[in-house]
Amino acid sequence: MWTWFYQLASPKWFYQFSNKLLPWFRAATFILFAAGLALGLLFSPLDYQQGNTVRILYIHVPAAFLSMFVYVLMALSGGIGFIWRIKMAHIVSVSCAPIGAIFTLLALITGAIWGKPTWGTYWVWDARLTSFLILLFLYLGFMALHNAFDDRKTADRAAAILALVGLVNIPIIHFSVEWWNSLHQGATISKFEKPSMDADMLKALLTMIVAFQVYFVTVLLQRVKAEILLREKLSGWVKKLVTNQ
C-alpha cells in the first residue's frame, strides 16, 4: 500500500499512470453525458410549476456540487503539499483551481437563468448566491496569488494557505438555506430523507452528477500532466519524452 502511495507522489509515475487512465475516463465521460442528457431531456417529466425550465437543474445542480467538491479537493491537496512538502499534492491543487472556477461560473450563470422565470429576477443578494459568488472570488484569488510569485515553492505554499482559509465558506454555502431566510430551495437529495423529486428526474440528475465528476477527473488528469511537464521540463525523463515525440 505504502509503495503505491509513494509512487503516486512521483511526477514521472503519475504522468505515465495518467496516460493509461485517460482513454477510459474520456469514454466514460462521453457515455455518461449522453445517457444523462437523454434521461434529462427526453425521459424525465415536466415540473408541474416550472415546466421545461426545470431541466436547467441537470446542469446547474451538478455544476454547483462540483464547484464545492473541487474546492475541498484543492484545499486539502494544497494542505497536504504544505505540511508534508509533496510536490504532486501542490500540482493537483493548482490544476484544480481553473476547473473549479469554471464550474462555479457555470453554476452562477445557470442559476441566474433559472432564477429569472422562477423568482422574477436574475440575481438577489441571497445567502446562497452571495456565498457562491465568494467561492468564485476564492478560486480567482487562489490563481492570482499563485501567479504573483516568481518562486514556485513560495507560490504553492501561499496559495495553499489561502485555499485552507477559504474552506470556511463551504459549510456556509451548504447550510445557508437553513441558517438564513432564502429564496433558494433547500436540498433536494439528502442522506437522511427521501428525495423530494420524481424518480425519473432523480435518475437523470444522479447520472449527470456522475458524468460531471468523471469529466472533472478527465480534465484534471490532463491539466496535471501539463503541469508536471512544465515543472519537470529540465528533468531527464521529460527531455527524453520530448525527444522521442
C-alpha atoms as a PDB file:
ATOM      1  CA  MET A   1       0.000   0.000   0.000  1.00  0.00           C
ATOM      2  CA  TRP A   2       2.707   2.478   1.002  1.00  0.00           C
ATOM      3  CA  THR A   3       4.695   1.631  -2.125  1.00  0.00           C
ATOM      4  CA  TRP A   4       1.685   2.649  -4.229  1.00  0.00           C
ATOM      5  CA  PHE A   5       1.333   5.862  -2.203  1.00  0.00           C
ATOM      6  CA  TYR A   6       4.982   6.816  -2.767  1.00  0.00           C
ATOM      7  CA  GLN A   7       4.627   6.026  -6.475  1.00  0.00           C
ATOM      8  CA  LEU A   8       1.583   8.292  -6.648  1.00  0.00           C
ATOM      9  CA  ALA A   9       3.720  11.126  -5.260  1.00  0.00           C
ATOM     10  CA  SER A  10       6.206  10.701  -8.107  1.00  0.00           C
ATOM     11  CA  PRO A  11       5.548  13.093 -11.045  1.00  0.00           C
ATOM     12  CA  LYS A  12       7.022  10.641 -13.564  1.00  0.00           C
ATOM     13  CA  TRP A  13       4.957   7.698 -12.314  1.00  0.00           C
ATOM     14  CA  PHE A  14       1.778   9.803 -12.097  1.00  0.00           C
ATOM     15  CA  TYR A  15       2.286  11.077 -15.647  1.00  0.00           C
ATOM     16  CA  GLN A  16       2.665   7.554 -17.023  1.00  0.00           C
ATOM     17  CA  PHE A  17      -0.258   6.244 -14.951  1.00  0.00           C
ATOM     18  CA  SER A  18      -2.477   9.098 -16.209  1.00  0.00           C
ATOM     19  CA  ASN A  19      -1.805   8.081 -19.798  1.00  0.00           C
ATOM     20  CA  LYS A  20      -3.306   4.677 -19.036  1.00  0.00           C
ATOM     21  CA  LEU A  21      -6.372   6.103 -17.271  1.00  0.00           C
ATOM     22  CA  LEU A  22      -7.306   8.916 -19.636  1.00  0.00           C
ATOM     23  CA  PRO A  23      -8.774   6.856 -22.523  1.00  0.00           C
ATOM     24  CA  TRP A  24     -11.127   5.108 -20.091  1.00  0.00           C
ATOM     25  CA  PHE A  25     -12.245   8.326 -18.445  1.00  0.00           C
ATOM     26  CA  ARG A  26     -12.801  10.038 -21.812  1.00  0.00           C
ATOM     27  CA  ALA A  27     -15.007   7.167 -22.972  1.00  0.00           C
ATOM     28  CA  ALA A  28     -16.907   7.103 -19.669  1.00  0.00           C
ATOM     29  CA  THR A  29     -17.447  10.870 -19.853  1.00  0.00           C
ATOM     30  CA  PHE A  30     -18.999  10.617 -23.323  1.00  0.00           C
ATOM     31  CA  ILE A  31     -21.251   7.690 -22.371  1.00  0.00           C
ATOM     32  CA  LEU A  32     -22.440   9.238 -19.097  1.00  0.00           C
ATOM     33  CA  PHE A  33     -23.168  12.651 -20.620  1.00  0.00           C
ATOM     34  CA  ALA A  34     -25.073  11.043 -23.490  1.00  0.00           C
ATOM     35  CA  ALA A  35     -27.117   8.943 -21.055  1.00  0.00           C
ATOM     36  CA  GLY A  36     -27.697  11.820 -18.632  1.00  0.00           C
ATOM     37  CA  LEU A  37     -28.812  14.281 -21.308  1.00  0.00           C
ATOM     38  CA  ALA A  38     -31.105  11.692 -22.864  1.00  0.00           C
ATOM     39  CA  LEU A  39     -32.687  10.920 -19.497  1.00  0.00           C
ATOM     40  CA  GLY A  40     -32.975  14.590 -18.600  1.00  0.00           C
ATOM     41  CA  LEU A  41     -34.260  15.956 -21.901  1.00  0.00           C
ATOM     42  CA  LEU A  42     -36.302  13.062 -23.273  1.00  0.00           C
ATOM     43  CA  PHE A  43     -37.468  10.823 -20.443  1.00  0.00           C
ATOM     44  CA  SER A  44     -37.840  12.976 -17.335  1.00  0.00           C
ATOM     45  CA  PRO A  45     -41.231  14.641 -16.740  1.00  0.00           C
ATOM     46  CA  LEU A  46     -42.002  18.354 -16.719  1.00  0.00           C
ATOM     47  CA  ASP A  47     -42.325  20.147 -13.423  1.00  0.00           C
ATOM     48  CA  TYR A  48     -45.929  20.993 -12.589  1.00  0.00           C
ATOM     49  CA  GLN A  49     -44.976  24.613 -11.838  1.00  0.00           C
ATOM     50  CA  GLN A  50     -41.832  25.324 -13.855  1.00  0.00           C
ATOM     51  CA  GLY A  51     -42.487  23.250 -16.952  1.00  0.00           C
ATOM     52  CA  ASN A  52     -39.416  22.741 -19.147  1.00  0.00           C
ATOM     53  CA  THR A  53     -37.465  25.345 -17.182  1.00  0.00           C
ATOM     54  CA  VAL A  54     -36.771  22.720 -14.526  1.00  0.00           C
ATOM     55  CA  ARG A  55     -34.425  20.912 -16.936  1.00  0.00           C
ATOM     56  CA  ILE A  56     -31.756  23.513 -16.136  1.00  0.00           C
ATOM     57  CA  LEU A  57     -31.231  21.608 -12.894  1.00  0.00           C
ATOM     58  CA  TYR A  58     -29.452  18.829 -14.817  1.00  0.00           C
ATOM     59  CA  ILE A  59     -26.614  21.289 -15.460  1.00  0.00           C
ATOM     60  CA  HIS A  60     -26.971  23.668 -12.523  1.00  0.00           C
ATOM     61  CA  VAL A  61     -27.005  21.147  -9.666  1.00  0.00           C
ATOM     62  CA  PRO A  62     -24.015  19.047 -10.857  1.00  0.00           C
ATOM     63  CA  ALA A  63     -22.019  22.222 -11.572  1.00  0.00           C
ATOM     64  CA  ALA A  64     -22.806  23.594  -8.101  1.00  0.00           C
ATOM     65  CA  PHE A  65     -21.918  20.278  -6.445  1.00  0.00           C
ATOM     66  CA  LEU A  66     -18.605  20.037  -8.324  1.00  0.00           C
ATOM     67  CA  SER A  67     -17.800  23.675  -7.507  1.00  0.00           C
ATOM     68  CA  MET A  68     -17.694  22.825  -3.808  1.00  0.00           C
ATOM     69  CA  PHE A  69     -16.185  19.365  -4.250  1.00  0.00           C
ATOM     70  CA  VAL A  70     -13.297  20.690  -6.342  1.00  0.00           C
ATOM     71  CA  TYR A  71     -12.599  23.468  -3.849  1.00  0.00           C
ATOM     72  CA  VAL A  72     -12.365  20.992  -0.976  1.00  0.00           C
ATOM     73  CA  LEU A  73     -10.024  18.802  -3.051  1.00  0.00           C
ATOM     74  CA  MET A  74      -7.941  21.849  -3.997  1.00  0.00           C
ATOM     75  CA  ALA A  75      -7.628  22.982  -0.374  1.00  0.00           C
ATOM     76  CA  LEU A  76      -6.887  19.526   1.055  1.00  0.00           C
ATOM     77  CA  SER A  77      -4.278  18.690  -1.580  1.00  0.00           C
ATOM     78  CA  GLY A  78      -2.713  22.120  -1.029  1.00  0.00           C
ATOM     79  CA  GLY A  79      -2.682  21.436   2.701  1.00  0.00           C
ATOM     80  CA  ILE A  80      -1.023  18.052   2.174  1.00  0.00           C
ATOM     81  CA  GLY A  81       1.605  19.705  -0.003  1.00  0.00           C
ATOM     82  CA  PHE A  82       2.124  22.456   2.574  1.00  0.00           C
ATOM     83  CA  ILE A  83       2.524  20.118   5.558  1.00  0.00           C
ATOM     84  CA  TRP A  84       4.377  17.182   4.003  1.00  0.00           C
ATOM     85  CA  ARG A  85       6.010  19.078   1.111  1.00  0.00           C
ATOM     86  CA  ILE A  86       4.700  16.659  -1.512  1.00  0.00           C
ATOM     87  CA  LYS A  87       5.183  18.152  -4.967  1.00  0.00           C
ATOM     88  CA  MET A  88       2.347  16.187  -6.591  1.00  0.00           C
ATOM     89  CA  ALA A  89      -0.144  17.470  -4.000  1.00  0.00           C
ATOM     90  CA  HIS A  90       0.628  21.065  -4.989  1.00  0.00           C
ATOM     91  CA  ILE A  91       0.379  20.131  -8.663  1.00  0.00           C
ATOM     92  CA  VAL A  92      -3.093  18.675  -8.110  1.00  0.00           C
ATOM     93  CA  SER A  93      -4.152  21.715  -6.095  1.00  0.00           C
ATOM     94  CA  VAL A  94      -3.011  24.201  -8.745  1.00  0.00           C
ATOM     95  CA  SER A  95      -4.589  22.111 -11.502  1.00  0.00           C
ATOM     96  CA  CYS A  96      -7.956  22.078  -9.704  1.00  0.00           C
ATOM     97  CA  ALA A  97      -8.322  25.860  -9.494  1.00  0.00           C
ATOM     98  CA  PRO A  98      -9.313  26.807 -13.081  1.00  0.00           C
ATOM     99  CA  ILE A  99     -11.627  23.797 -13.367  1.00  0.00           C
ATOM    100  CA  GLY A 100     -13.394  24.688 -10.139  1.00  0.00           C
ATOM    101  CA  ALA A 101     -13.685  28.327 -11.208  1.00  0.00           C
ATOM    102  CA  ILE A 102     -15.393  27.288 -14.456  1.00  0.00           C
ATOM    103  CA  PHE A 103     -17.819  25.011 -12.603  1.00  0.00           C
ATOM    104  CA  THR A 104     -18.633  27.843 -10.185  1.00  0.00           C
ATOM    105  CA  LEU A 105     -19.201  30.328 -13.013  1.00  0.00           C
ATOM    106  CA  LEU A 106     -21.413  27.781 -14.798  1.00  0.00           C
ATOM    107  CA  ALA A 107     -23.447  27.272 -11.610  1.00  0.00           C
ATOM    108  CA  LEU A 108     -23.903  31.039 -11.197  1.00  0.00           C
ATOM    109  CA  ILE A 109     -24.923  31.569 -14.830  1.00  0.00           C
ATOM    110  CA  THR A 110     -27.363  28.646 -14.958  1.00  0.00           C
ATOM    111  CA  GLY A 111     -28.731  29.695 -11.565  1.00  0.00           C
ATOM    112  CA  ALA A 112     -29.374  33.205 -12.882  1.00  0.00           C
ATOM    113  CA  ILE A 113     -31.094  31.832 -15.996  1.00  0.00           C
ATOM    114  CA  TRP A 114     -33.219  29.569 -13.800  1.00  0.00           C
ATOM    115  CA  GLY A 115     -33.906  32.351 -11.317  1.00  0.00           C
ATOM    116  CA  LYS A 116     -35.447  34.766 -13.830  1.00  0.00           C
ATOM    117  CA  PRO A 117     -38.620  32.718 -14.586  1.00  0.00           C
ATOM    118  CA  THR A 118     -38.740  31.255 -11.057  1.00  0.00           C
ATOM    119  CA  TRP A 119     -38.045  34.298  -8.870  1.00  0.00           C
ATOM    120  CA  GLY A 120     -38.657  37.064 -11.411  1.00  0.00           C
ATOM    121  CA  THR A 121     -35.030  38.255 -11.286  1.00  0.00           C
ATOM    122  CA  TYR A 122     -31.604  37.045 -12.371  1.00  0.00           C
ATOM    123  CA  TRP A 123     -29.896  37.895  -9.093  1.00  0.00           C
ATOM    124  CA  VAL A 124     -30.647  38.682  -5.464  1.00  0.00           C
ATOM    125  CA  TRP A 125     -28.185  39.110  -2.604  1.00  0.00           C
ATOM    126  CA  ASP A 126     -29.390  35.843  -1.163  1.00  0.00           C
ATOM    127  CA  ALA A 127     -27.154  33.991   1.316  1.00  0.00           C
ATOM    128  CA  ARG A 128     -26.653  31.015  -1.013  1.00  0.00           C
ATOM    129  CA  LEU A 129     -25.955  33.162  -4.080  1.00  0.00           C
ATOM    130  CA  THR A 130     -23.659  35.554  -2.247  1.00  0.00           C
ATOM    131  CA  SER A 131     -21.589  32.772  -0.656  1.00  0.00           C
ATOM    132  CA  PHE A 132     -21.321  31.097  -4.053  1.00  0.00           C
ATOM    133  CA  LEU A 133     -20.053  34.341  -5.574  1.00  0.00           C
ATOM    134  CA  ILE A 134     -17.459  34.454  -2.793  1.00  0.00           C
ATOM    135  CA  LEU A 135     -16.442  30.922  -3.821  1.00  0.00           C
ATOM    136  CA  LEU A 136     -15.729  32.192  -7.342  1.00  0.00           C
ATOM    137  CA  PHE A 137     -13.629  35.015  -5.901  1.00  0.00           C
ATOM    138  CA  LEU A 138     -11.710  32.484  -3.784  1.00  0.00           C
ATOM    139  CA  TYR A 139     -10.846  30.482  -6.899  1.00  0.00           C
ATOM    140  CA  LEU A 140      -9.772  33.627  -8.744  1.00  0.00           C
ATOM    141  CA  GLY A 141      -7.805  34.810  -5.704  1.00  0.00           C
ATOM    142  CA  PHE A 142      -6.042  31.441  -5.459  1.00  0.00           C
ATOM    143  CA  MET A 143      -4.937  31.632  -9.090  1.00  0.00           C
ATOM    144  CA  ALA A 144      -3.938  35.295  -8.842  1.00  0.00           C
ATOM    145  CA  LEU A 145      -1.919  34.699  -5.661  1.00  0.00           C
ATOM    146  CA  HIS A 146      -0.175  31.690  -7.148  1.00  0.00           C
ATOM    147  CA  ASN A 147       0.810  33.683 -10.238  1.00  0.00           C
ATOM    148  CA  ALA A 148       2.042  36.613  -8.122  1.00  0.00           C
ATOM    149  CA  PHE A 149       5.227  34.821  -7.039  1.00  0.00           C
ATOM    150  CA  ASP A 150       8.202  34.005  -9.236  1.00  0.00           C
ATOM    151  CA  ASP A 151       9.342  31.260  -6.894  1.00  0.00           C
ATOM    152  CA  ARG A 152       7.039  28.270  -7.418  1.00  0.00           C
ATOM    153  CA  LYS A 153       7.528  26.814  -3.929  1.00  0.00           C
ATOM    154  CA  THR A 154       6.541  30.098  -2.308  1.00  0.00           C
ATOM    155  CA  ALA A 155       3.563  30.374  -4.662  1.00  0.00           C
ATOM    156  CA  ASP A 156       2.399  26.849  -3.810  1.00  0.00           C
ATOM    157  CA  ARG A 157       2.571  27.457  -0.071  1.00  0.00           C
ATOM    158  CA  ALA A 158       0.899  30.883  -0.148  1.00  0.00           C
ATOM    159  CA  ALA A 159      -1.948  29.640  -2.361  1.00  0.00           C
ATOM    160  CA  ALA A 160      -2.419  26.578  -0.139  1.00  0.00           C
ATOM    161  CA  ILE A 161      -2.875  28.800   2.929  1.00  0.00           C
ATOM    162  CA  LEU A 162      -5.498  30.890   1.122  1.00  0.00           C
ATOM    163  CA  ALA A 163      -7.345  27.751  -0.004  1.00  0.00           C
ATOM    164  CA  LEU A 164      -7.377  26.320   3.519  1.00  0.00           C
ATOM    165  CA  VAL A 165      -8.707  29.575   4.995  1.00  0.00           C
ATOM    166  CA  GLY A 166     -11.393  29.657   2.301  1.00  0.00           C
ATOM    167  CA  LEU A 167     -12.691  26.239   3.384  1.00  0.00           C
ATOM    168  CA  VAL A 168     -14.847  28.052   5.946  1.00  0.00           C
ATOM    169  CA  ASN A 169     -17.062  29.184   3.048  1.00  0.00           C
ATOM    170  CA  ILE A 170     -18.065  25.620   2.057  1.00  0.00           C
ATOM    171  CA  PRO A 171     -20.297  24.857   5.081  1.00  0.00           C
ATOM    172  CA  ILE A 172     -21.715  28.382   4.777  1.00  0.00           C
ATOM    173  CA  ILE A 173     -22.785  27.604   1.201  1.00  0.00           C
ATOM    174  CA  HIS A 174     -24.217  24.227   2.169  1.00  0.00           C
ATOM    175  CA  PHE A 175     -26.201  25.349   5.212  1.00  0.00           C
ATOM    176  CA  SER A 176     -27.062  28.895   4.080  1.00  0.00           C
ATOM    177  CA  VAL A 177     -30.638  27.945   3.149  1.00  0.00           C
ATOM    178  CA  GLU A 178     -31.151  26.585   6.673  1.00  0.00           C
ATOM    179  CA  TRP A 179     -29.374  29.318   8.628  1.00  0.00           C
ATOM    180  CA  TRP A 180     -30.952  32.335   6.895  1.00  0.00           C
ATOM    181  CA  ASN A 181     -34.172  33.218   5.095  1.00  0.00           C
ATOM    182  CA  SER A 182     -33.508  32.315   1.476  1.00  0.00           C
ATOM    183  CA  LEU A 183     -35.234  32.329  -1.891  1.00  0.00           C
ATOM    184  CA  HIS A 184     -33.105  29.350  -2.843  1.00  0.00           C
ATOM    185  CA  GLN A 185     -34.732  25.978  -2.302  1.00  0.00           C
ATOM    186  CA  GLY A 186     -33.350  23.521   0.231  1.00  0.00           C
ATOM    187  CA  ALA A 187     -31.585  20.254  -0.504  1.00  0.00           C
ATOM    188  CA  THR A 188     -33.425  18.027  -2.947  1.00  0.00           C
ATOM    189  CA  ILE A 189     -31.248  14.987  -2.202  1.00  0.00           C
ATOM    190  CA  SER A 190     -30.444  14.136   1.419  1.00  0.00           C
ATOM    191  CA  LYS A 191     -28.734  11.201   3.088  1.00  0.00           C
ATOM    192  CA  PHE A 192     -31.396  11.023   5.766  1.00  0.00           C
ATOM    193  CA  GLU A 193     -34.607  11.845   3.930  1.00  0.00           C
ATOM    194  CA  LYS A 194     -36.491  10.569   0.909  1.00  0.00           C
ATOM    195  CA  PRO A 195     -35.649  12.653  -2.206  1.00  0.00           C
ATOM    196  CA  SER A 196     -38.322  15.286  -2.859  1.00  0.00           C
ATOM    197  CA  MET A 197     -38.443  14.746  -6.619  1.00  0.00           C
ATOM    198  CA  ASP A 198     -39.793  12.344  -9.228  1.00  0.00           C
ATOM    199  CA  ALA A 199     -37.852   9.073  -9.604  1.00  0.00           C
ATOM    200  CA  ASP A 200     -37.153   9.667 -13.319  1.00  0.00           C
ATOM    201  CA  MET A 201     -35.873  13.175 -12.577  1.00  0.00           C
ATOM    202  CA  LEU A 202     -33.689  11.821  -9.784  1.00  0.00           C
ATOM    203  CA  LYS A 203     -32.241   9.148 -12.078  1.00  0.00           C
ATOM    204  CA  ALA A 204     -31.339  11.763 -14.693  1.00  0.00           C
ATOM    205  CA  LEU A 205     -29.881  14.114 -12.082  1.00  0.00           C
ATOM    206  CA  LEU A 206     -27.697  11.449 -10.454  1.00  0.00           C
ATOM    207  CA  THR A 207     -26.443  10.342 -13.880  1.00  0.00           C
ATOM    208  CA  MET A 208     -25.467  13.921 -14.721  1.00  0.00           C
ATOM    209  CA  ILE A 209     -23.724  14.372 -11.360  1.00  0.00           C
ATOM    210  CA  VAL A 210     -21.629  11.263 -12.027  1.00  0.00           C
ATOM    211  CA  ALA A 211     -20.966  12.482 -15.587  1.00  0.00           C
ATOM    212  CA  PHE A 212     -19.695  15.816 -14.261  1.00  0.00           C
ATOM    213  CA  GLN A 213     -17.482  14.017 -11.741  1.00  0.00           C
ATOM    214  CA  VAL A 214     -15.938  11.751 -14.367  1.00  0.00           C
ATOM    215  CA  TYR A 215     -15.496  14.757 -16.669  1.00  0.00           C
ATOM    216  CA  PHE A 216     -13.715  16.576 -13.854  1.00  0.00           C
ATOM    217  CA  VAL A 217     -11.291  13.698 -13.318  1.00  0.00           C
ATOM    218  CA  THR A 218     -10.624  13.588 -17.073  1.00  0.00           C
ATOM    219  CA  VAL A 219      -9.819  17.298 -17.292  1.00  0.00           C
ATOM    220  CA  LEU A 220      -7.869  17.208 -14.028  1.00  0.00           C
ATOM    221  CA  LEU A 221      -5.622  14.407 -15.260  1.00  0.00           C
ATOM    222  CA  GLN A 222      -4.917  16.346 -18.446  1.00  0.00           C
ATOM    223  CA  ARG A 223      -4.108  19.549 -16.527  1.00  0.00           C
ATOM    224  CA  VAL A 224      -1.942  17.652 -14.043  1.00  0.00           C
ATOM    225  CA  LYS A 225       0.025  16.142 -16.929  1.00  0.00           C
ATOM    226  CA  ALA A 226       0.608  19.603 -18.407  1.00  0.00           C
ATOM    227  CA  GLU A 227       1.667  20.998 -15.021  1.00  0.00           C
ATOM    228  CA  ILE A 228       4.071  18.087 -14.489  1.00  0.00           C
ATOM    229  CA  LEU A 229       5.739  18.742 -17.842  1.00  0.00           C
ATOM    230  CA  LEU A 230       6.040  22.455 -17.004  1.00  0.00           C
ATOM    231  CA  ARG A 231       7.633  21.827 -13.613  1.00  0.00           C
ATOM    232  CA  GLU A 232       9.807  18.886 -14.674  1.00  0.00           C
ATOM    233  CA  LYS A 233      10.937  20.289 -18.041  1.00  0.00           C
ATOM    234  CA  LEU A 234      14.602  20.167 -17.017  1.00  0.00           C
ATOM    235  CA  SER A 235      14.487  16.555 -15.822  1.00  0.00           C
ATOM    236  CA  GLY A 236      15.950  13.792 -17.931  1.00  0.00           C
ATOM    237  CA  TRP A 237      12.753  11.799 -18.390  1.00  0.00           C
ATOM    238  CA  VAL A 238      10.851  14.812 -19.785  1.00  0.00           C
ATOM    239  CA  LYS A 239      13.672  15.656 -22.194  1.00  0.00           C
ATOM    240  CA  LYS A 240      13.671  12.041 -23.342  1.00  0.00           C
ATOM    241  CA  LEU A 241       9.892  12.102 -23.733  1.00  0.00           C
ATOM    242  CA  VAL A 242      10.019  15.264 -25.855  1.00  0.00           C
ATOM    243  CA  THR A 243      12.871  13.882 -27.956  1.00  0.00           C
ATOM    244  CA  ASN A 244      11.003  10.631 -28.686  1.00  0.00           C
ATOM    245  CA  GLN A 245       7.926  12.563 -29.778  1.00  0.00           C
END
